[in-house]
Every structure is written in structure tokens, then in C-alpha cells.
């Protein structure tokens, strides 16, 4: 089984670890952990910053992304003990990059989190909705704890 794990931020790490520890992955599972950095948009307030400052911001975002995917790799490795874990940090539009990687990697599952919450828990974020609607494989969405509840929501898979 080839699993693409799309990670947005460190808030996903705890929920991912809990899920990965509880799920009975096949022994031959391969995991590809992806973090996508949004590019600086032309016309945004950041695009008027001097070039050296933009370069530093981009480097810091890449460095933070690399740290994040390594943390997720370690979390998966600690419970799965799999040698087939790869990591990647890239720049682009998250929904496009996630879908592209799923096709390239011939993924059989995409695992991702969603911050968006509603009273009925049916709403998910734009990136998650785009991936769920267009993925070439199954998508498992792990709802992340809302900030209002202080992270005390029960673990649920939608």
C-alpha cells in the first residue's frame, strides 16, 4: 500500500501519531510525507518586499517544512518501524501538489487533516475538499481539534 501523507502544520502531528499507531497498516506499506509551501502571490503585501527579504522568508518556510516532515516521519517510524518512508517539501498550490504527487506515486491512499469545523462536522477546508473531490485514490481526512475546545475533541475519522 502506498500512502501519501499531506501535512499542513505541526498541529497535525499529534492526531497523525494517534491515527498511525491505531491503524493496522499492511506490512509492505510505503509512506510519502509531503508538505507544500504556498508561493508568494504577485500582488500580495509580501510581493512588495525587497528580494533578499523574500528569499529569507522562503528559506525559513522551507526549513520549517523540512523540520515538520521529519517530525511526521519520526512519528510514523516510531509506531510502524517502516524503512519505506520518504519526505518532500515543495512549493506550489497545496491541492495541485497533493493531487500531482498522488498520481506520480501511484498512491492507494491520501491521509490529510482538516482544520475546518462546523456544527455538523460536515464542512472541510478548500484544499481538503479539492483533494477529496479529485483524488485518484481513497482519501482519509483526520479532523484536527478545534482551537476553541483546546484540543480536547475526541479522535474521529470522517
Protein backbone atom coordinates (compact mmCIF):
# COMPACT_ATOMS: atom_id res chain seq x y z
CA UNK A 1 0.00 0.00 0.00
CA UNK A 2 1.36 3.42 -0.97
CA UNK A 3 0.23 6.15 1.40
CA UNK A 4 0.65 9.88 0.71
CA UNK A 5 0.59 11.83 3.98
CA UNK A 6 -0.09 15.52 3.32
CA UNK A 7 0.93 17.64 6.30
CA UNK A 8 -0.03 21.27 6.65
CA UNK A 9 1.35 22.17 10.07
CA UNK A 10 2.56 20.89 13.42
CA UNK A 11 -0.99 20.70 14.78
CA UNK A 12 -1.43 17.63 12.57
CA UNK A 13 1.44 15.77 14.23
CA UNK A 14 -0.40 14.62 17.39
CA UNK A 15 -3.52 13.47 15.58
CA UNK A 16 -1.43 11.74 12.92
CA UNK A 17 0.59 9.87 15.53
CA UNK A 18 -2.57 8.66 17.25
CA UNK A 19 -4.11 7.51 13.99
CA UNK A 20 -0.95 5.87 12.66
CA UNK A 21 -0.49 3.95 15.91
CA UNK A 22 -4.05 2.66 15.90
CA UNK A 23 -4.42 1.76 12.21
CA UNK A 24 -3.41 -1.76 11.11
CA UNK A 25 -1.19 -0.90 8.13
CA UNK A 26 -0.15 -3.76 5.86
CA UNK A 27 3.47 -4.81 6.44
CA UNK A 28 4.59 -3.63 2.99
CA UNK A 29 3.15 -0.10 3.35
CA UNK A 30 5.16 2.78 1.90
CA UNK A 31 4.69 6.31 3.21
CA UNK A 32 5.47 9.55 1.37
CA UNK A 33 5.18 12.61 3.60
CA UNK A 34 4.50 15.87 1.75
CA UNK A 35 4.46 19.46 2.95
CA UNK A 36 3.56 22.16 0.44
CA UNK A 37 4.69 25.75 0.90
CA UNK A 38 2.43 28.33 -0.66
CA UNK A 39 4.27 30.61 -3.10
CA UNK A 40 4.33 34.36 -2.57
CA UNK A 41 1.48 35.70 -4.67
CA UNK A 42 2.05 38.57 -7.06
CA UNK A 43 0.03 41.50 -5.79
CA UNK A 44 0.04 40.36 -2.15
CA UNK A 45 1.62 42.54 0.51
CA UNK A 46 4.62 40.17 0.59
CA UNK A 47 5.35 40.64 -3.10
CA UNK A 48 6.40 44.25 -2.48
CA UNK A 49 9.11 43.24 -0.01
CA UNK A 50 12.73 43.50 -1.16
CA UNK A 51 14.02 40.38 -2.90
CA UNK A 52 16.60 39.44 -0.21
CA UNK A 53 13.89 39.59 2.45
CA UNK A 54 11.60 37.38 0.36
CA UNK A 55 14.43 34.89 -0.11
CA UNK A 56 14.96 34.72 3.65
CA UNK A 57 11.24 34.20 4.24
CA UNK A 58 11.18 31.43 1.64
CA UNK A 59 14.22 29.76 3.20
CA UNK A 60 12.69 29.91 6.67
CA UNK A 61 9.41 28.44 5.42
CA UNK A 62 11.31 25.62 3.68
CA UNK A 63 13.37 24.97 6.82
CA UNK A 64 10.21 24.81 8.96
CA UNK A 65 8.61 22.47 6.41
CA UNK A 66 11.63 20.15 6.46
CA UNK A 67 11.52 20.01 10.25
CA UNK A 68 7.80 19.24 10.12
CA UNK A 69 8.08 16.35 7.64
CA UNK A 70 10.96 14.89 9.67
CA UNK A 71 8.80 15.02 12.81
CA UNK A 72 6.00 13.23 10.98
CA UNK A 73 8.49 10.69 9.62
CA UNK A 74 9.75 10.01 13.15
CA UNK A 75 6.18 9.69 14.44
CA UNK A 76 5.32 7.14 11.74
CA UNK A 77 8.60 5.30 12.16
CA UNK A 78 8.15 5.03 15.93
CA UNK A 79 4.88 3.13 15.56
CA UNK A 80 5.31 1.44 12.17
CA UNK A 81 9.05 0.78 12.09
CA UNK A 82 8.92 1.05 8.30
CA UNK A 83 12.02 1.65 6.23
CA UNK A 84 9.89 2.84 3.32
CA UNK A 85 9.28 6.42 4.41
CA UNK A 86 10.18 9.32 2.15
CA UNK A 87 9.74 13.03 2.79
CA UNK A 88 9.31 16.01 0.50
CA UNK A 89 8.86 19.75 0.86
CA UNK A 90 7.84 21.63 -2.26
CA UNK A 91 6.40 24.99 -3.24
CA UNK A 92 3.09 25.33 -5.03
CA UNK A 93 -0.65 25.22 -4.55
CA UNK A 94 -1.36 22.52 -1.96
CA UNK A 95 -4.35 20.93 -3.69
CA UNK A 96 -2.49 20.69 -7.00
CA UNK A 97 0.74 19.38 -5.49
CA UNK A 98 -1.06 16.76 -3.37
CA UNK A 99 -3.06 15.51 -6.35
CA UNK A 100 0.03 15.51 -8.60
CA UNK A 101 2.05 13.51 -6.06
CA UNK A 102 -0.78 11.02 -5.60
CA UNK A 103 -0.73 10.33 -9.35
CA UNK A 104 3.09 10.27 -9.62
CA UNK A 105 3.49 7.98 -6.62
CA UNK A 106 0.54 5.77 -7.64
CA UNK A 107 -0.80 6.23 -4.13
CA UNK A 108 -3.57 3.99 -2.91
CA UNK A 109 -4.46 6.33 -0.03
CA UNK A 110 -4.04 10.01 0.86
CA UNK A 111 -4.08 10.88 4.57
CA UNK A 112 -4.60 14.53 5.46
CA UNK A 113 -6.03 16.70 8.20
CA UNK A 114 -8.71 19.34 8.11
CA UNK A 115 -8.91 22.40 10.36
CA UNK A 116 -12.33 23.49 9.16
CA UNK A 117 -15.15 22.62 11.55
CA UNK A 118 -18.86 23.30 11.61
CA UNK A 119 -21.66 22.35 13.94
CA UNK A 120 -22.39 19.25 11.88
CA UNK A 121 -18.69 18.46 11.27
CA UNK A 122 -19.51 18.12 7.57
CA UNK A 123 -17.61 21.14 6.32
CA UNK A 124 -13.99 20.68 5.37
CA UNK A 125 -11.46 23.16 4.08
CA UNK A 126 -10.98 24.13 0.43
CA UNK A 127 -7.79 22.12 -0.04
CA UNK A 128 -9.30 19.04 1.59
CA UNK A 129 -12.48 19.38 -0.48
CA UNK A 130 -10.49 19.68 -3.71
CA UNK A 131 -8.38 16.64 -2.87
CA UNK A 132 -11.39 14.54 -1.81
CA UNK A 133 -13.27 15.52 -4.98
CA UNK A 134 -10.41 14.92 -7.44
CA UNK A 135 -8.14 12.28 -5.93
CA UNK A 136 -7.20 9.24 -8.00
CA UNK A 137 -7.42 7.11 -4.83
CA UNK A 138 -9.11 6.96 -1.43
CA UNK A 139 -8.69 9.93 0.90
CA UNK A 140 -8.77 9.69 4.67
CA UNK A 141 -9.42 13.00 6.43
CA UNK A 142 -8.41 13.34 10.05
CA UNK A 143 -10.32 16.21 11.68
CA UNK A 144 -7.97 18.28 13.78
CA UNK A 145 -9.00 19.58 17.19
CA UNK A 146 -10.60 22.99 17.09
CA UNK A 147 -8.75 25.77 18.85
CA UNK A 148 -11.93 26.64 20.79
CA UNK A 149 -12.01 23.25 22.52
CA UNK A 150 -8.34 23.46 23.45
CA UNK A 151 -7.65 20.23 21.60
CA UNK A 152 -10.00 18.15 23.76
CA UNK A 153 -12.21 16.82 20.99
CA UNK A 154 -12.49 13.07 20.67
CA UNK A 155 -10.48 11.50 17.85
CA UNK A 156 -12.77 10.91 14.85
CA UNK A 157 -12.18 9.86 11.28
CA UNK A 158 -14.52 11.24 8.59
